[in-house]
Amino acid sequence: MNITKDAAVTISYKVTSPQGKPLDHGDMAYLHGGYENIFPKVEAALDGQAVGFSTTLQLSVEDAFGP
C-alpha cells in the first residue's frame, strides 16, 4: 500500500544538528493529505511511497516553521 491522501501513516524519525549531533528521535502517526499534521516538506517526501521507505531530509527553519 502506498501513502496517499487520507492514509494513516506511522513514521520513525531521528533529528540531528547540521553537524550530526543527535537532538531527538521517536515514532509518530499522522493523517496524510495536507492537513498540516506534519511539516509539508516531510509529507511531500512521503507522498506515494510504500511501506519501508526511508529517506534523509534537510529542513531549514523556514521549512519547519515558516518565515
PDB file of N, CA and C in Angstrom:
ATOM      1  N   MET A   1       0.841  -1.182   0.000  1.00  0.00           N
ATOM      2  CA  MET A   1       0.000   0.000   0.000  1.00  0.00           C
ATOM      3  C   MET A   1       0.885   1.243   0.000  1.00  0.00           C
ATOM      4  N   ASN A   2       0.605   2.163  -0.858  1.00  0.00           N
ATOM      5  CA  ASN A   2       1.362   3.407  -0.929  1.00  0.00           C
ATOM      6  C   ASN A   2       0.671   4.504  -0.128  1.00  0.00           C
ATOM      7  N   ILE A   3       1.431   5.479   0.289  1.00  0.00           N
ATOM      8  CA  ILE A   3       0.898   6.597   1.059  1.00  0.00           C
ATOM      9  C   ILE A   3       0.162   7.536   0.114  1.00  0.00           C
ATOM     10  N   THR A   4      -1.128   7.726   0.380  1.00  0.00           N
ATOM     11  CA  THR A   4      -1.971   8.616  -0.411  1.00  0.00           C
ATOM     12  C   THR A   4      -2.834   9.441   0.538  1.00  0.00           C
ATOM     13  N   LYS A   5      -3.608  10.358  -0.008  1.00  0.00           N
ATOM     14  CA  LYS A   5      -4.486  11.210   0.800  1.00  0.00           C
ATOM     15  C   LYS A   5      -5.364  10.355   1.703  1.00  0.00           C
ATOM     16  N   ASP A   6      -5.483  10.778   2.934  1.00  0.00           N
ATOM     17  CA  ASP A   6      -6.296  10.140   3.973  1.00  0.00           C
ATOM     18  C   ASP A   6      -5.731   8.821   4.488  1.00  0.00           C
ATOM     19  N   ALA A   7      -4.477   8.518   4.170  1.00  0.00           N
ATOM     20  CA  ALA A   7      -3.825   7.331   4.732  1.00  0.00           C
ATOM     21  C   ALA A   7      -3.313   7.664   6.134  1.00  0.00           C
ATOM     22  N   ALA A   8      -3.493   6.748   7.062  1.00  0.00           N
ATOM     23  CA  ALA A   8      -2.900   6.874   8.386  1.00  0.00           C
ATOM     24  C   ALA A   8      -1.462   6.383   8.267  1.00  0.00           C
ATOM     25  N   VAL A   9      -0.510   7.243   8.608  1.00  0.00           N
ATOM     26  CA  VAL A   9       0.904   6.948   8.413  1.00  0.00           C
ATOM     27  C   VAL A   9       1.617   6.975   9.756  1.00  0.00           C
ATOM     28  N   THR A  10       2.454   5.982   9.998  1.00  0.00           N
ATOM     29  CA  THR A  10       3.307   5.946  11.176  1.00  0.00           C
ATOM     30  C   THR A  10       4.754   5.999  10.708  1.00  0.00           C
ATOM     31  N   ILE A  11       5.523   6.911  11.298  1.00  0.00           N
ATOM     32  CA  ILE A  11       6.928   7.034  10.924  1.00  0.00           C
ATOM     33  C   ILE A  11       7.815   6.968  12.165  1.00  0.00           C
ATOM     34  N   SER A  12       9.020   6.517  11.947  1.00  0.00           N
ATOM     35  CA  SER A  12      10.088   6.614  12.937  1.00  0.00           C
ATOM     36  C   SER A  12      11.018   7.699  12.425  1.00  0.00           C
ATOM     37  N   TYR A  13      11.439   8.594  13.312  1.00  0.00           N
ATOM     38  CA  TYR A  13      12.274   9.702  12.876  1.00  0.00           C
ATOM     39  C   TYR A  13      13.469   9.896  13.802  1.00  0.00           C
ATOM     40  N   LYS A  14      14.471  10.568  13.249  1.00  0.00           N
ATOM     41  CA  LYS A  14      15.657  10.953  14.013  1.00  0.00           C
ATOM     42  C   LYS A  14      16.026  12.357  13.568  1.00  0.00           C
ATOM     43  N   VAL A  15      16.217  13.262  14.521  1.00  0.00           N
ATOM     44  CA  VAL A  15      16.587  14.642  14.229  1.00  0.00           C
ATOM     45  C   VAL A  15      18.025  14.861  14.702  1.00  0.00           C
ATOM     46  N   THR A  16      18.829  15.430  13.808  1.00  0.00           N
ATOM     47  CA  THR A  16      20.216  15.740  14.164  1.00  0.00           C
ATOM     48  C   THR A  16      20.515  17.192  13.805  1.00  0.00           C
ATOM     49  N   SER A  17      21.533  17.729  14.420  1.00  0.00           N
ATOM     50  CA  SER A  17      22.009  19.067  14.063  1.00  0.00           C
ATOM     51  C   SER A  17      22.733  18.973  12.720  1.00  0.00           C
ATOM     52  N   PRO A  18      23.036  20.116  12.084  1.00  0.00           N
ATOM     53  CA  PRO A  18      23.799  20.071  10.834  1.00  0.00           C
ATOM     54  C   PRO A  18      25.152  19.374  10.986  1.00  0.00           C
ATOM     55  N   GLN A  19      25.665  19.332  12.205  1.00  0.00           N
ATOM     56  CA  GLN A  19      26.941  18.674  12.455  1.00  0.00           C
ATOM     57  C   GLN A  19      26.766  17.185  12.775  1.00  0.00           C
ATOM     58  N   GLY A  20      25.524  16.697  12.801  1.00  0.00           N
ATOM     59  CA  GLY A  20      25.269  15.282  13.051  1.00  0.00           C
ATOM     60  C   GLY A  20      25.008  14.926  14.499  1.00  0.00           C
ATOM     61  N   LYS A  21      24.926  15.911  15.378  1.00  0.00           N
ATOM     62  CA  LYS A  21      24.657  15.652  16.795  1.00  0.00           C
ATOM     63  C   LYS A  21      23.192  15.257  16.977  1.00  0.00           C
ATOM     64  N   PRO A  22      22.914  14.120  17.619  1.00  0.00           N
ATOM     65  CA  PRO A  22      21.525  13.698  17.836  1.00  0.00           C
ATOM     66  C   PRO A  22      20.774  14.708  18.705  1.00  0.00           C
ATOM     67  N   LEU A  23      19.566  15.086  18.271  1.00  0.00           N
ATOM     68  CA  LEU A  23      18.744  16.038  19.011  1.00  0.00           C
ATOM     69  C   LEU A  23      17.431  15.417  19.498  1.00  0.00           C
ATOM     70  N   ASP A  24      16.855  14.521  18.715  1.00  0.00           N
ATOM     71  CA  ASP A  24      15.563  13.926  19.064  1.00  0.00           C
ATOM     72  C   ASP A  24      15.355  12.678  18.210  1.00  0.00           C
ATOM     73  N   HIS A  25      14.503  11.784  18.683  1.00  0.00           N
ATOM     74  CA  HIS A  25      14.104  10.620  17.894  1.00  0.00           C
ATOM     75  C   HIS A  25      12.795  10.091  18.466  1.00  0.00           C
ATOM     76  N   GLY A  26      12.097   9.308  17.673  1.00  0.00           N
ATOM     77  CA  GLY A  26      10.854   8.730  18.153  1.00  0.00           C
ATOM     78  C   GLY A  26       9.999   8.187  17.024  1.00  0.00           C
ATOM     79  N   ASP A  27       8.759   7.943  17.357  1.00  0.00           N
ATOM     80  CA  ASP A  27       7.752   7.464  16.403  1.00  0.00           C
ATOM     81  C   ASP A  27       6.557   8.405  16.472  1.00  0.00           C
ATOM     82  N   MET A  28       5.879   8.567  15.370  1.00  0.00           N
ATOM     83  CA  MET A  28       4.659   9.383  15.362  1.00  0.00           C
ATOM     84  C   MET A  28       3.716   8.894  14.279  1.00  0.00           C
ATOM     85  N   ALA A  29       2.457   9.194  14.443  1.00  0.00           N
ATOM     86  CA  ALA A  29       1.438   8.851  13.450  1.00  0.00           C
ATOM     87  C   ALA A  29       0.714  10.131  13.056  1.00  0.00           C
ATOM     88  N   TYR A  30       0.293  10.194  11.810  1.00  0.00           N
ATOM     89  CA  TYR A  30      -0.457  11.367  11.339  1.00  0.00           C
ATOM     90  C   TYR A  30      -1.353  10.948  10.175  1.00  0.00           C
ATOM     91  N   LEU A  31      -2.335  11.799   9.858  1.00  0.00           N
ATOM     92  CA  LEU A  31      -3.218  11.584   8.718  1.00  0.00           C
ATOM     93  C   LEU A  31      -2.643  12.342   7.532  1.00  0.00           C
ATOM     94  N   HIS A  32      -2.283  11.627   6.487  1.00  0.00           N
ATOM     95  CA  HIS A  32      -1.627  12.193   5.308  1.00  0.00           C
ATOM     96  C   HIS A  32      -2.646  12.887   4.410  1.00  0.00           C
ATOM     97  N   GLY A  33      -2.248  13.991   3.802  1.00  0.00           N
ATOM     98  CA  GLY A  33      -3.108  14.606   2.805  1.00  0.00           C
ATOM     99  C   GLY A  33      -3.274  16.103   2.910  1.00  0.00           C
ATOM    100  N   GLY A  34      -2.292  16.795   3.478  1.00  0.00           N
ATOM    101  CA  GLY A  34      -2.379  18.246   3.518  1.00  0.00           C
ATOM    102  C   GLY A  34      -3.165  18.800   4.681  1.00  0.00           C
ATOM    103  N   TYR A  35      -3.250  18.064   5.761  1.00  0.00           N
ATOM    104  CA  TYR A  35      -3.997  18.505   6.936  1.00  0.00           C
ATOM    105  C   TYR A  35      -3.125  19.246   7.945  1.00  0.00           C
ATOM    106  N   GLU A  36      -1.902  19.558   7.550  1.00  0.00           N
ATOM    107  CA  GLU A  36      -0.951  20.286   8.392  1.00  0.00           C
ATOM    108  C   GLU A  36      -0.651  19.553   9.694  1.00  0.00           C
ATOM    109  N   ASN A  37      -0.592  18.216   9.626  1.00  0.00           N
ATOM    110  CA  ASN A  37      -0.252  17.395  10.779  1.00  0.00           C
ATOM    111  C   ASN A  37       1.240  17.132  10.886  1.00  0.00           C
ATOM    112  N   ILE A  38       1.968  17.478   9.842  1.00  0.00           N
ATOM    113  CA  ILE A  38       3.411  17.229   9.776  1.00  0.00           C
ATOM    114  C   ILE A  38       4.000  18.299   8.855  1.00  0.00           C
ATOM    115  N   PHE A  39       5.305  18.533   8.935  1.00  0.00           N
ATOM    116  CA  PHE A  39       5.923  19.548   8.079  1.00  0.00           C
ATOM    117  C   PHE A  39       5.657  19.226   6.606  1.00  0.00           C
ATOM    118  N   PRO A  40       5.276  20.233   5.801  1.00  0.00           N
ATOM    119  CA  PRO A  40       4.944  19.993   4.393  1.00  0.00           C
ATOM    120  C   PRO A  40       6.050  19.294   3.599  1.00  0.00           C
ATOM    121  N   LYS A  41       7.306  19.634   3.846  1.00  0.00           N
ATOM    122  CA  LYS A  41       8.413  19.010   3.106  1.00  0.00           C
ATOM    123  C   LYS A  41       8.507  17.515   3.430  1.00  0.00           C
ATOM    124  N   VAL A  42       8.215  17.150   4.671  1.00  0.00           N
ATOM    125  CA  VAL A  42       8.227  15.735   5.061  1.00  0.00           C
ATOM    126  C   VAL A  42       7.059  15.018   4.384  1.00  0.00           C
ATOM    127  N   GLU A  43       5.880  15.618   4.426  1.00  0.00           N
ATOM    128  CA  GLU A  43       4.716  14.994   3.796  1.00  0.00           C
ATOM    129  C   GLU A  43       4.938  14.819   2.291  1.00  0.00           C
ATOM    130  N   ALA A  44       5.522  15.810   1.640  1.00  0.00           N
ATOM    131  CA  ALA A  44       5.786  15.712   0.201  1.00  0.00           C
ATOM    132  C   ALA A  44       6.751  14.569  -0.100  1.00  0.00           C
ATOM    133  N   ALA A  45       7.749  14.378   0.741  1.00  0.00           N
ATOM    134  CA  ALA A  45       8.721  13.300   0.531  1.00  0.00           C
ATOM    135  C   ALA A  45       8.082  11.926   0.705  1.00  0.00           C
ATOM    136  N   LEU A  46       7.062  11.833   1.553  1.00  0.00           N
ATOM    137  CA  LEU A  46       6.419  10.545   1.813  1.00  0.00           C
ATOM    138  C   LEU A  46       5.299  10.222   0.830  1.00  0.00           C
ATOM    139  N   ASP A  47       4.760  11.232   0.163  1.00  0.00           N
ATOM    140  CA  ASP A  47       3.620  11.025  -0.742  1.00  0.00           C
ATOM    141  C   ASP A  47       3.934   9.994  -1.819  1.00  0.00           C
ATOM    142  N   GLY A  48       3.110   8.978  -1.907  1.00  0.00           N
ATOM    143  CA  GLY A  48       3.252   7.942  -2.924  1.00  0.00           C
ATOM    144  C   GLY A  48       4.211   6.826  -2.566  1.00  0.00           C
ATOM    145  N   GLN A  49       4.891   6.930  -1.441  1.00  0.00           N
ATOM    146  CA  GLN A  49       5.884   5.929  -1.056  1.00  0.00           C
ATOM    147  C   GLN A  49       5.225   4.706  -0.423  1.00  0.00           C
ATOM    148  N   ALA A  50       5.934   3.598  -0.419  1.00  0.00           N
ATOM    149  CA  ALA A  50       5.438   2.329   0.110  1.00  0.00           C
ATOM    150  C   ALA A  50       5.988   2.078   1.513  1.00  0.00           C
ATOM    151  N   VAL A  51       5.404   1.112   2.178  1.00  0.00           N
ATOM    152  CA  VAL A  51       5.865   0.686   3.497  1.00  0.00           C
ATOM    153  C   VAL A  51       7.357   0.356   3.418  1.00  0.00           C
ATOM    154  N   GLY A  52       8.114   0.797   4.410  1.00  0.00           N
ATOM    155  CA  GLY A  52       9.544   0.524   4.450  1.00  0.00           C
ATOM    156  C   GLY A  52      10.407   1.602   3.819  1.00  0.00           C
ATOM    157  N   PHE A  53       9.781   2.592   3.197  1.00  0.00           N
ATOM    158  CA  PHE A  53      10.529   3.681   2.568  1.00  0.00           C
ATOM    159  C   PHE A  53      11.370   4.397   3.616  1.00  0.00           C
ATOM    160  N   SER A  54      12.575   4.787   3.237  1.00  0.00           N
ATOM    161  CA  SER A  54      13.473   5.507   4.127  1.00  0.00           C
ATOM    162  C   SER A  54      14.101   6.652   3.351  1.00  0.00           C
ATOM    163  N   THR A  55      14.276   7.793   4.000  1.00  0.00           N
ATOM    164  CA  THR A  55      14.883   8.944   3.353  1.00  0.00           C
ATOM    165  C   THR A  55      15.562   9.816   4.392  1.00  0.00           C
ATOM    166  N   THR A  56      16.393  10.707   3.926  1.00  0.00           N
ATOM    167  CA  THR A  56      17.011  11.718   4.766  1.00  0.00           C
ATOM    168  C   THR A  56      16.645  13.074   4.193  1.00  0.00           C
ATOM    169  N   LEU A  57      16.130  13.953   5.038  1.00  0.00           N
ATOM    170  CA  LEU A  57      15.732  15.295   4.603  1.00  0.00           C
ATOM    171  C   LEU A  57      16.475  16.343   5.417  1.00  0.00           C
ATOM    172  N   GLN A  58      16.766  17.450   4.779  1.00  0.00           N
ATOM    173  CA  GLN A  58      17.305  18.600   5.487  1.00  0.00           C
ATOM    174  C   GLN A  58      16.226  19.665   5.510  1.00  0.00           C
ATOM    175  N   LEU A  59      15.808  20.054   6.714  1.00  0.00           N
ATOM    176  CA  LEU A  59      14.786  21.081   6.861  1.00  0.00           C
ATOM    177  C   LEU A  59      15.410  22.347   7.418  1.00  0.00           C
ATOM    178  N   SER A  60      15.178  23.446   6.747  1.00  0.00           N
ATOM    179  CA  SER A  60      15.592  24.735   7.293  1.00  0.00           C
ATOM    180  C   SER A  60      14.534  25.173   8.302  1.00  0.00           C
ATOM    181  N   VAL A  61      14.826  26.208   9.040  1.00  0.00           N
ATOM    182  CA  VAL A  61      13.833  26.743   9.981  1.00  0.00           C
ATOM    183  C   VAL A  61      12.572  27.132   9.216  1.00  0.00           C
ATOM    184  N   GLU A  62      12.726  27.714   8.036  1.00  0.00           N
ATOM    185  CA  GLU A  62      11.573  28.120   7.235  1.00  0.00           C
ATOM    186  C   GLU A  62      10.760  26.912   6.773  1.00  0.00           C
ATOM    187  N   ASP A  63      11.440  25.794   6.439  1.00  0.00           N
ATOM    188  CA  ASP A  63      10.729  24.582   6.035  1.00  0.00           C
ATOM    189  C   ASP A  63       9.862  24.060   7.173  1.00  0.00           C
ATOM    190  N   ALA A  64      10.344  24.212   8.372  1.00  0.00           N
ATOM    191  CA  ALA A  64       9.635  23.670   9.531  1.00  0.00           C
ATOM    192  C   ALA A  64       8.599  24.641  10.084  1.00  0.00           C
ATOM    193  N   PHE A  65       8.963  25.919  10.184  1.00  0.00           N
ATOM    194  CA  PHE A  65       8.099  26.847  10.912  1.00  0.00           C
ATOM    195  C   PHE A  65       7.669  28.064  10.117  1.00  0.00           C
ATOM    196  N   GLY A  66       8.084  28.182   8.867  1.00  0.00           N
ATOM    197  CA  GLY A  66       7.708  29.319   8.040  1.00  0.00           C
ATOM    198  C   GLY A  66       8.661  30.489   8.225  1.00  0.00           C
ATOM    199  N   PRO A  67       8.399  31.567   7.492  1.00  0.00           N
ATOM    200  CA  PRO A  67       9.308  32.730   7.553  1.00  0.00           C
ATOM    201  C   PRO A  67       9.293  33.401   8.936  1.00  0.00           C
TER     202      PRO A  67
END
